[in-house]
Amino acid sequence: MKETESRTRDGTASDQNPVGSIVSNVQDAVDRGWVLFPAKPNPDKPGKLKPACNWQREELPPVDAWVDSSDAYAVHCGKSGLVVIDIDGETGCESFDRLLDKCGIQGWPDTYTVQTPRGGYHLYFKNQGFRNSESDIATNVDVRGAGGCVFAAGSVIDGKTYEVTSDSPVADLPQWLVYELAGYELQRQSEGWYKRDLDDLVTEVEAAQPGERNSALNTVAFVAFSHDRIDDAEARDRLREAALQAGLEIEETIRSLNE
């Protein structure tokens, strides 16, 4: 694929080059190790796509069975180990810019990025156990993680294409964004989290099952580091030990604990 300019800080899109056929884009996605399935126009929502198979319940059709006859396809975020920040249109772009300002971040993250036909963007990151959400972190900014999907580069709807604007490698989820996502996931859970002491939080990490350990560590770390009554250094040491004992890799643990 051709590399193109990434999105600029002032919210305007930079010059873009044609991405090429769906076949070349699908091959690139396959080479990245992503799990894919075909998509098609949504008759109930003009200008939008829908999955062309029951992707959440059925075995996905092999790529060779649909790539030559389809104009669109999707990435299964959960099975591909991805979390995608889905920024919807110019309103979503402005909202994401405000989120960056609030967090003291200069410039959009450098990662694999796709512009949508509606003028929005998909920012791809390595997942750390986050699930789907809609407009939690910012208005018109959704999260597609475990149990989610996004329509992918090269897909065409009404003559408009999902285009790559940054062909950078998929980056780790920035720590500031990890805390934003963990914070909103925490709000959806019981307020009882805040009544727990460090021993209870450590137990949550130790008891987490495979597939849930990253999410548990992110949530627990957010709670521990956001309260004066828990010492940050002690929390970091004990949560690191608990995460490693639970089976998390050292790199994942360090990212979650911001070491």
Protein backbone atom coordinates (compact mmCIF):
# COMPACT_ATOMS: atom_id res chain seq x y z
CA MET A 1 0.00 0.00 0.00
CA LYS A 2 1.07 3.56 -0.55
CA GLU A 3 1.89 5.54 2.53
CA THR A 4 0.02 8.82 2.91
CA GLU A 5 0.10 11.85 5.17
CA SER A 6 -1.52 11.44 8.57
CA ARG A 7 -4.26 13.69 9.85
CA THR A 8 -3.16 17.19 10.86
CA ARG A 9 -3.53 18.64 14.36
CA ASP A 10 -5.97 21.39 13.32
CA GLY A 11 -8.63 18.85 12.37
CA THR A 12 -8.17 19.04 8.59
CA ALA A 13 -7.38 16.04 6.42
CA SER A 14 -4.11 16.02 4.55
CA ASP A 15 -3.64 15.12 0.88
CA GLN A 16 -4.40 11.47 0.18
CA ASN A 17 -3.39 9.03 -2.53
CA PRO A 18 -5.49 6.21 -3.97
CA VAL A 19 -5.16 3.09 -1.87
CA GLY A 20 -5.58 0.54 -4.63
CA SER A 21 -7.92 -2.40 -5.07
CA ILE A 22 -9.66 -4.24 -2.25
CA VAL A 23 -7.51 -7.27 -3.04
CA SER A 24 -4.27 -5.48 -2.18
CA ASN A 25 -5.76 -4.02 0.98
CA VAL A 26 -7.14 -7.38 2.07
CA GLN A 27 -3.74 -8.95 1.51
CA ASP A 28 -2.13 -6.27 3.64
CA ALA A 29 -4.65 -6.94 6.43
CA VAL A 30 -4.03 -10.69 6.19
CA ASP A 31 -0.28 -10.07 6.36
CA ARG A 32 -0.87 -8.08 9.56
CA GLY A 33 -2.59 -11.14 11.06
CA TRP A 34 -6.08 -9.65 11.19
CA VAL A 35 -9.28 -11.69 11.05
CA LEU A 36 -11.56 -10.51 8.21
CA PHE A 37 -15.04 -11.07 6.81
CA PRO A 38 -17.03 -9.65 3.85
CA ALA A 39 -19.36 -6.65 4.04
CA LYS A 40 -22.12 -5.21 1.84
CA PRO A 41 -24.31 -2.06 1.55
CA ASN A 42 -26.93 -1.68 4.28
CA PRO A 43 -30.36 -1.26 2.61
CA ASP A 44 -31.82 0.20 5.83
CA LYS A 45 -29.07 2.82 6.19
CA PRO A 46 -28.11 4.36 2.83
CA GLY A 47 -24.43 5.16 2.56
CA LYS A 48 -23.45 2.64 5.21
CA LEU A 49 -22.16 -0.93 5.21
CA LYS A 50 -23.22 -4.05 7.11
CA PRO A 51 -21.57 -7.47 7.61
CA ALA A 52 -22.32 -9.97 4.86
CA CYS A 53 -22.27 -12.90 7.30
CA ASN A 54 -23.25 -13.68 10.87
CA TRP A 55 -19.75 -12.79 12.04
CA GLN A 56 -20.45 -13.04 15.77
CA ARG A 57 -21.93 -16.55 15.75
CA GLU A 58 -20.83 -18.41 12.65
CA GLU A 59 -17.46 -19.60 11.43
CA LEU A 60 -16.13 -16.86 9.15
CA PRO A 61 -15.84 -17.66 5.43
CA PRO A 62 -12.26 -17.96 4.15
CA VAL A 63 -10.89 -14.81 2.51
CA ASP A 64 -10.38 -16.56 -0.83
CA ALA A 65 -14.12 -17.27 -0.99
CA TRP A 66 -15.15 -13.59 -1.11
CA VAL A 67 -12.23 -11.27 -1.82
CA ASP A 68 -12.63 -11.26 -5.62
CA SER A 69 -16.39 -10.64 -5.53
CA SER A 70 -16.75 -8.15 -2.68
CA ASP A 71 -16.39 -4.36 -2.66
CA ALA A 72 -16.12 -4.14 1.11
CA TYR A 73 -14.89 -6.07 4.12
CA ALA A 74 -14.48 -5.70 7.87
CA VAL A 75 -11.89 -6.43 10.53
CA HIS A 76 -12.94 -8.49 13.55
CA CYS A 77 -11.34 -6.35 16.26
CA GLY A 78 -11.48 -8.83 19.11
CA LYS A 79 -10.01 -11.79 17.22
CA SER A 80 -7.41 -9.51 15.62
CA GLY A 81 -6.16 -8.22 18.97
CA LEU A 82 -7.18 -4.67 18.11
CA VAL A 83 -9.01 -1.78 19.68
CA VAL A 84 -10.07 0.86 17.16
CA ILE A 85 -10.99 4.42 18.09
CA ASP A 86 -13.88 5.19 15.71
CA ILE A 87 -14.10 8.96 15.18
CA ASP A 88 -17.33 9.78 13.37
CA GLY A 89 -17.20 12.71 10.92
CA GLU A 90 -16.04 16.25 11.55
CA THR A 91 -18.03 16.45 14.80
CA GLY A 92 -16.13 13.46 16.11
CA CYS A 93 -12.82 14.97 14.97
CA GLU A 94 -13.51 18.19 16.86
CA SER A 95 -14.58 16.21 19.91
CA PHE A 96 -11.40 14.10 19.79
CA ASP A 97 -9.31 17.26 19.52
CA ARG A 98 -10.97 18.55 22.70
CA LEU A 99 -10.18 15.26 24.44
CA LEU A 100 -6.52 15.62 23.44
CA ASP A 101 -6.49 19.18 24.82
CA LYS A 102 -8.05 18.02 28.08
CA CYS A 103 -5.37 15.35 28.48
CA GLY A 104 -2.55 17.72 27.53
CA ILE A 105 -1.65 15.75 24.39
CA GLN A 106 -0.20 17.47 21.33
CA GLY A 107 -1.14 15.89 18.01
CA TRP A 108 -3.05 12.76 17.06
CA PRO A 109 -1.43 9.41 17.95
CA ASP A 110 0.97 7.95 15.39
CA THR A 111 -0.58 4.63 14.41
CA TYR A 112 -2.24 2.86 11.47
CA THR A 113 -5.14 5.13 10.48
CA VAL A 114 -8.03 4.90 7.99
CA GLN A 115 -10.28 7.75 6.85
CA THR A 116 -13.95 6.83 6.44
CA PRO A 117 -16.21 8.04 3.61
CA ARG A 118 -18.01 10.31 6.12
CA GLY A 119 -14.80 12.18 6.92
CA GLY A 120 -14.11 10.38 10.15
CA TYR A 121 -11.14 8.25 11.14
CA HIS A 122 -10.34 4.81 12.51
CA LEU A 123 -7.25 4.77 14.73
CA TYR A 124 -5.95 1.21 15.20
CA PHE A 125 -4.19 0.14 18.41
CA LYS A 126 -3.14 -3.09 20.08
CA ASN A 127 -5.94 -4.05 22.45
CA GLN A 128 -5.44 -4.41 26.19
CA GLY A 129 -8.79 -6.04 26.95
CA PHE A 130 -11.16 -3.16 26.22
CA ARG A 131 -14.68 -3.72 24.93
CA ASN A 132 -17.02 -1.64 22.76
CA SER A 133 -18.40 1.71 23.87
CA GLU A 134 -20.23 4.58 22.22
CA SER A 135 -19.41 8.25 22.89
CA ASP A 136 -18.06 7.46 26.36
CA ILE A 137 -14.64 9.08 26.03
CA ALA A 138 -15.91 11.86 23.73
CA THR A 139 -19.02 12.72 21.69
CA ASN A 140 -19.13 10.81 18.38
CA VAL A 141 -15.98 8.91 19.35
CA ASP A 142 -16.69 5.19 19.74
CA VAL A 143 -14.48 2.29 20.77
CA ARG A 144 -14.43 -0.99 18.84
CA GLY A 145 -12.69 -3.71 20.81
CA ALA A 146 -13.65 -7.18 21.99
CA GLY A 147 -16.96 -8.01 20.29
CA GLY A 148 -16.58 -5.19 17.75
CA CYS A 149 -15.68 -4.70 14.12
CA VAL A 150 -14.79 -1.89 11.71
CA PHE A 151 -15.05 -1.65 7.94
CA ALA A 152 -11.57 -1.62 6.56
CA ALA A 153 -9.22 0.11 4.12
CA GLY A 154 -10.16 -0.30 0.47
CA SER A 155 -13.86 -0.91 1.17
CA VAL A 156 -16.15 1.07 -1.14
CA ILE A 157 -19.67 2.38 -0.47
CA ASP A 158 -21.53 4.58 -2.97
CA GLY A 159 -18.29 5.18 -4.84
CA LYS A 160 -16.48 6.39 -1.72
CA THR A 161 -13.54 4.52 -0.26
CA TYR A 162 -12.15 3.85 3.20
CA GLU A 163 -8.62 5.18 2.66
CA VAL A 164 -5.39 4.69 4.57
CA THR A 165 -4.01 8.03 5.79
CA SER A 166 -1.18 6.59 7.87
CA ASP A 167 0.41 3.24 7.09
CA SER A 168 2.37 3.26 10.36
CA PRO A 169 2.59 0.06 12.39
CA VAL A 170 -0.29 -0.48 14.82
CA ALA A 171 0.84 1.22 18.01
CA ASP A 172 0.37 0.29 21.63
CA LEU A 173 -2.59 2.05 23.18
CA PRO A 174 -1.21 5.33 24.64
CA GLN A 175 -1.26 5.35 28.42
CA TRP A 176 -3.42 8.48 28.57
CA LEU A 177 -6.01 6.70 26.44
CA VAL A 178 -5.78 3.55 28.55
CA TYR A 179 -6.75 5.61 31.59
CA GLU A 180 -9.59 7.34 29.73
CA LEU A 181 -11.04 3.99 28.63
CA ALA A 182 -10.50 2.36 32.03
CA GLY A 183 -12.18 5.29 33.74
CA TYR A 184 -15.35 5.02 31.70
CA GLU A 185 -15.47 1.25 32.01
CA LEU A 186 -15.19 1.74 35.75
CA GLN A 187 -18.13 4.16 35.76
CA ARG A 188 -20.30 1.45 34.21
CA GLN A 189 -19.44 -0.90 37.04
CA SER A 190 -20.40 -0.80 40.69
CA GLU A 191 -19.26 2.17 42.73
CA GLY A 192 -18.17 -0.44 45.25
CA TRP A 193 -14.77 -0.47 43.53
CA TYR A 194 -13.95 2.74 45.35
CA LYS A 195 -14.65 1.19 48.74
CA ARG A 196 -12.03 -1.52 48.30
CA ASP A 197 -8.57 -1.48 49.83
CA LEU A 198 -5.37 -2.49 48.07
CA ASP A 199 -5.64 -6.12 49.22
CA ASP A 200 -9.03 -6.43 47.51
CA LEU A 201 -7.71 -4.85 44.32
CA VAL A 202 -4.73 -7.19 44.21
CA THR A 203 -7.09 -10.15 44.64
CA GLU A 204 -9.10 -9.00 41.62
CA VAL A 205 -5.99 -9.16 39.45
CA GLU A 206 -4.90 -12.52 40.84
CA ALA A 207 -8.35 -14.03 40.17
CA ALA A 208 -8.74 -12.66 36.63
CA GLN A 209 -9.18 -15.29 33.91
CA PRO A 210 -7.34 -15.43 30.56
CA GLY A 211 -8.87 -12.86 28.23
CA GLU A 212 -9.88 -10.66 31.18
CA ARG A 213 -6.53 -10.08 32.89
CA ASN A 214 -5.52 -6.92 30.97
CA SER A 215 -8.91 -5.34 31.52
CA ALA A 216 -8.84 -6.23 35.23
CA LEU A 217 -5.35 -4.78 35.68
CA ASN A 218 -6.24 -1.57 33.81
CA THR A 219 -9.37 -1.06 35.92
CA VAL A 220 -7.69 -1.88 39.22
CA ALA A 221 -4.68 0.35 38.43
CA PHE A 222 -7.01 3.23 37.63
CA VAL A 223 -8.72 2.84 41.01
CA ALA A 224 -5.48 2.44 42.95
CA PHE A 225 -3.70 5.41 41.40
CA SER A 226 -6.68 7.76 41.65
CA HIS A 227 -6.99 7.65 45.46
CA ASP A 228 -4.78 9.36 48.02
CA ARG A 229 -5.47 6.64 50.58
CA ILE A 230 -3.51 4.09 48.49
CA ASP A 231 0.23 4.60 48.11
CA ASP A 232 1.15 4.64 44.41
CA ALA A 233 4.54 2.96 44.82
CA GLU A 234 3.16 0.13 46.96
CA ALA A 235 0.22 -0.32 44.58
CA ARG A 236 2.53 -0.50 41.57
CA ASP A 237 4.78 -3.12 43.21
CA ARG A 238 1.94 -5.32 44.41
CA LEU A 239 -0.12 -5.07 41.22
CA ARG A 240 2.95 -5.89 39.12
CA GLU A 241 3.58 -9.02 41.18
CA ALA A 242 -0.09 -10.05 41.02
CA ALA A 243 -0.28 -9.50 37.26
CA LEU A 244 2.82 -11.59 36.59
CA GLN A 245 1.53 -14.37 38.85
CA ALA A 246 -1.78 -14.28 36.96
CA GLY A 247 0.07 -14.93 33.71
CA LEU A 248 0.40 -11.51 32.10
CA GLU A 249 3.57 -10.79 30.14
CA ILE A 250 5.97 -8.28 31.64
CA GLU A 251 5.55 -5.88 28.67
CA GLU A 252 1.76 -5.82 29.08
CA THR A 253 2.10 -5.28 32.81
CA ILE A 254 4.54 -2.40 32.42
CA ARG A 255 2.24 -0.65 29.92
CA SER A 256 -0.76 -0.93 32.22
CA LEU A 257 1.16 0.32 35.24
CA ASN A 258 2.85 3.12 33.25
CA GLU A 259 6.34 2.07 34.40
